[in-house]
Amino acid sequence: TLPVSIGRSYIIIVSYNIVLLFTAFLILRHRTAKPLEDAKPTDDMKNKKFLFCHLKNQDDVDLLFNYYRKQENTTSIDQIDGGEIDPGIRPDKTLEYFCRLLGADLDKAQKYTAQLGIENLKTAKRTPENIKKIYFAVSMATGNERVVIKNFLDRESRAFEEAALAILKEEKEQGRAILYLSDEIFQTKGAEKLTDRVG
């Protein structure tokens, strides 16, 4: 019986190693998968649509977002913390600074900031949410044909979300293509009202 036990142990060890090697191969193949460098923009993006893409994980969101943000005539709106991008100046000066930085229309950015609930930029508080609203307003005032958004409105207040979606709807009606990327199961609550297609 001893040779039989040794034989079984040997088979189990070999099988276990094969499974480990195969698993390692799959992980390596997944991590070294070719990025979307050769991908082409979808016809929907070319045809001025509003798309909502719910992806399985953050890596997929990042991959697609980074592909589209490199395209010409595209504005990218990343998920940010308002506190991290606060330049430390008054909100009205922050708006002017961001407009110069992104080449945005100042009047349009001021209009969108008001729509987002900041009526008077000179007296507004420099809160992370207000900085985030200014960032969004300026980004939407750039005038590029396409906008790609990554998780930007996820977990924001209902008022902020509704005001931002109203701006996106206005821009969509003016002919801009908008792609909203998210890996959140409970994504932006009102985005489906604007979407021509959900991916």
Protein backbone atom coordinates (compact mmCIF):
# COMPACT_ATOMS: atom_id res chain seq x y z
CA THR A 1 0.00 0.00 0.00
CA LEU A 2 2.95 2.34 0.50
CA PRO A 3 3.79 2.65 -3.23
CA VAL A 4 0.08 3.35 -3.93
CA SER A 5 0.04 6.17 -1.34
CA ILE A 6 3.22 7.68 -2.76
CA GLY A 7 1.74 7.45 -6.26
CA ARG A 8 -1.45 9.20 -5.19
CA SER A 9 0.50 11.93 -3.41
CA TYR A 10 2.63 12.44 -6.49
CA ILE A 11 -0.48 12.77 -8.71
CA ILE A 12 -2.07 15.25 -6.29
CA ILE A 13 1.10 17.39 -6.13
CA VAL A 14 1.48 17.40 -9.93
CA SER A 15 -2.21 18.27 -10.41
CA TYR A 16 -1.98 21.07 -7.83
CA ASN A 17 1.10 22.52 -9.60
CA ILE A 18 -0.63 22.37 -12.97
CA VAL A 19 -3.63 24.28 -11.55
CA LEU A 20 -1.31 26.89 -9.98
CA LEU A 21 0.64 27.36 -13.22
CA PHE A 22 -2.55 27.66 -15.26
CA THR A 23 -3.97 30.22 -12.80
CA ALA A 24 -0.74 32.22 -12.92
CA PHE A 25 -0.85 32.11 -16.73
CA LEU A 26 -4.42 33.45 -16.79
CA ILE A 27 -3.57 36.27 -14.36
CA LEU A 28 -0.49 37.23 -16.36
CA ARG A 29 -2.43 37.14 -19.62
CA HIS A 30 -5.15 39.37 -18.14
CA ARG A 31 -2.62 41.90 -16.82
CA THR A 32 -0.67 42.07 -20.07
CA ALA A 33 -3.75 42.25 -22.29
CA LYS A 34 -3.28 44.69 -25.13
CA PRO A 35 -4.68 48.12 -24.21
CA LEU A 36 -7.29 49.89 -26.29
CA GLU A 37 -4.66 51.87 -28.24
CA ASP A 38 -5.91 50.51 -31.57
CA ALA A 39 -9.57 50.84 -30.66
CA LYS A 40 -11.73 53.15 -32.73
CA PRO A 41 -14.33 55.54 -31.29
CA THR A 42 -17.77 54.02 -31.50
CA ASP A 43 -20.22 55.27 -34.13
CA ASP A 44 -22.38 56.51 -31.26
CA MET A 45 -19.62 58.87 -30.11
CA LYS A 46 -19.17 60.10 -33.68
CA ASN A 47 -22.93 60.63 -34.05
CA LYS A 48 -23.34 62.92 -31.04
CA LYS A 49 -25.00 60.53 -28.62
CA PHE A 50 -25.17 60.32 -24.85
CA LEU A 51 -23.81 56.96 -23.72
CA PHE A 52 -23.72 55.47 -20.24
CA CYS A 53 -21.18 52.66 -19.84
CA HIS A 54 -21.32 50.55 -16.70
CA LEU A 55 -18.08 48.57 -16.52
CA LYS A 56 -17.16 45.73 -14.19
CA ASN A 57 -14.15 47.31 -12.52
CA GLN A 58 -12.13 50.49 -12.13
CA ASP A 59 -9.32 49.20 -14.39
CA ASP A 60 -11.74 48.94 -17.33
CA VAL A 61 -13.10 52.43 -16.59
CA ASP A 62 -9.56 53.85 -16.48
CA LEU A 63 -8.58 52.09 -19.71
CA LEU A 64 -11.52 53.45 -21.69
CA PHE A 65 -11.32 56.90 -20.08
CA ASN A 66 -7.61 57.21 -20.87
CA TYR A 67 -8.24 56.16 -24.47
CA TYR A 68 -10.94 58.76 -25.08
CA ARG A 69 -9.23 61.60 -23.21
CA LYS A 70 -6.35 61.41 -25.72
CA GLN A 71 -8.66 61.99 -28.68
CA GLU A 72 -8.70 65.37 -30.39
CA ASN A 73 -11.49 67.80 -29.56
CA THR A 74 -12.41 65.91 -26.37
CA THR A 75 -12.97 67.23 -22.86
CA SER A 76 -12.30 64.75 -20.06
CA ILE A 77 -13.91 65.10 -16.64
CA ASP A 78 -12.18 62.92 -14.07
CA GLN A 79 -13.47 61.84 -10.68
CA ILE A 80 -11.76 64.31 -8.36
CA ASP A 81 -11.76 65.50 -4.79
CA GLY A 82 -12.54 69.21 -4.75
CA GLY A 83 -10.19 69.71 -1.83
CA GLU A 84 -7.25 68.27 -3.77
CA ILE A 85 -7.54 70.68 -6.71
CA ASP A 86 -8.35 73.78 -4.64
CA PRO A 87 -5.80 76.41 -5.76
CA GLY A 88 -6.36 78.32 -2.49
CA ILE A 89 -7.96 81.42 -4.01
CA ARG A 90 -11.50 82.83 -4.03
CA PRO A 91 -14.08 80.84 -6.07
CA ASP A 92 -14.42 83.62 -8.67
CA LYS A 93 -10.64 83.65 -9.20
CA THR A 94 -10.62 79.84 -9.24
CA LEU A 95 -13.16 79.93 -12.09
CA GLU A 96 -11.04 82.41 -14.04
CA TYR A 97 -7.91 80.35 -13.40
CA PHE A 98 -9.54 77.09 -14.57
CA CYS A 99 -10.96 78.86 -17.66
CA ARG A 100 -7.49 80.07 -18.65
CA LEU A 101 -6.03 76.64 -17.94
CA LEU A 102 -8.59 74.73 -20.05
CA GLY A 103 -9.32 77.44 -22.64
CA ALA A 104 -12.98 77.61 -21.62
CA ASP A 105 -15.58 80.31 -22.27
CA LEU A 106 -15.74 82.38 -19.06
CA ASP A 107 -19.33 83.58 -19.57
CA LYS A 108 -20.58 80.06 -20.23
CA ALA A 109 -18.67 78.73 -17.21
CA GLN A 110 -20.26 81.43 -15.00
CA LYS A 111 -23.69 80.52 -16.35
CA TYR A 112 -23.15 76.83 -15.58
CA THR A 113 -21.77 77.62 -12.13
CA ALA A 114 -24.97 79.51 -11.34
CA GLN A 115 -27.03 76.55 -12.61
CA LEU A 116 -25.08 74.33 -10.22
CA GLY A 117 -26.16 76.52 -7.30
CA ILE A 118 -23.32 79.02 -6.87
CA GLU A 119 -25.13 82.30 -7.52
CA ASN A 120 -22.41 84.69 -6.38
CA LEU A 121 -18.86 83.46 -6.89
CA LYS A 122 -17.34 86.41 -5.03
CA THR A 123 -19.17 85.61 -1.80
CA ALA A 124 -19.34 81.80 -2.17
CA LYS A 125 -17.44 79.62 0.27
CA ARG A 126 -14.40 77.72 -0.94
CA THR A 127 -15.75 74.27 -0.11
CA PRO A 128 -14.63 71.04 -1.85
CA GLU A 129 -18.12 70.70 -3.41
CA ASN A 130 -18.04 74.26 -4.78
CA ILE A 131 -14.56 73.68 -6.24
CA LYS A 132 -15.89 70.50 -7.86
CA LYS A 133 -18.87 72.41 -9.29
CA ILE A 134 -16.52 75.03 -10.73
CA TYR A 135 -14.35 72.31 -12.27
CA PHE A 136 -17.42 70.72 -13.90
CA ALA A 137 -18.80 74.07 -15.14
CA VAL A 138 -15.47 75.07 -16.69
CA SER A 139 -14.99 71.63 -18.27
CA MET A 140 -18.44 71.84 -19.88
CA ALA A 141 -17.63 75.36 -21.15
CA THR A 142 -14.62 74.23 -23.20
CA GLY A 143 -16.64 73.79 -26.39
CA ASN A 144 -15.01 70.53 -27.50
CA GLU A 145 -17.19 68.20 -29.58
CA ARG A 146 -16.92 65.25 -27.20
CA VAL A 147 -17.05 64.89 -23.42
CA VAL A 148 -15.91 61.79 -21.54
CA ILE A 149 -16.77 61.60 -17.84
CA LYS A 150 -15.37 59.13 -15.29
CA ASN A 151 -17.45 58.42 -12.16
CA PHE A 152 -17.80 62.16 -11.63
CA LEU A 153 -21.32 62.31 -10.20
CA ASP A 154 -21.26 59.03 -8.31
CA ARG A 155 -22.21 59.60 -4.66
CA GLU A 156 -22.83 63.33 -5.11
CA SER A 157 -25.85 65.12 -3.62
CA ARG A 158 -29.13 64.82 -5.50
CA ALA A 159 -29.23 68.60 -6.13
CA PHE A 160 -25.70 68.62 -7.61
CA GLU A 161 -26.46 65.57 -9.74
CA GLU A 162 -29.73 66.97 -11.12
CA ALA A 163 -28.15 70.34 -11.96
CA ALA A 164 -25.18 68.65 -13.65
CA LEU A 165 -27.48 66.35 -15.65
CA ALA A 166 -29.47 69.38 -16.80
CA ILE A 167 -26.24 70.89 -18.14
CA LEU A 168 -25.34 67.61 -19.84
CA LYS A 169 -28.81 67.50 -21.42
CA GLU A 170 -28.38 71.07 -22.70
CA GLU A 171 -24.98 70.23 -24.17
CA LYS A 172 -26.33 67.03 -25.74
CA GLU A 173 -29.11 69.02 -27.42
CA GLN A 174 -26.47 71.38 -28.79
CA GLY A 175 -24.80 68.43 -30.52
CA ARG A 176 -22.05 67.27 -28.17
CA ALA A 177 -21.27 63.57 -27.79
CA ILE A 178 -21.13 62.54 -24.13
CA LEU A 179 -19.76 59.30 -22.70
CA TYR A 180 -20.28 58.64 -18.97
CA LEU A 181 -18.15 55.81 -17.56
CA SER A 182 -18.80 54.19 -14.19
CA ASP A 183 -18.05 51.01 -12.29
CA GLU A 184 -20.62 51.77 -9.59
CA ILE A 185 -23.63 49.48 -9.35
CA PHE A 186 -25.73 52.36 -8.04
CA GLN A 187 -24.63 54.75 -10.76
CA THR A 188 -25.83 58.26 -11.43
CA LYS A 189 -29.53 58.04 -10.69
CA GLY A 190 -30.81 60.22 -13.53
CA ALA A 191 -28.30 59.40 -16.27
CA GLU A 192 -30.63 56.86 -17.90
CA LYS A 193 -33.02 59.69 -18.79
CA LEU A 194 -30.37 61.19 -21.05
CA THR A 195 -28.86 58.09 -22.54
CA ASP A 196 -29.36 57.06 -26.13
CA ARG A 197 -27.73 53.76 -25.24
CA VAL A 198 -26.52 52.07 -22.08
CA GLY A 199 -23.41 49.88 -22.48
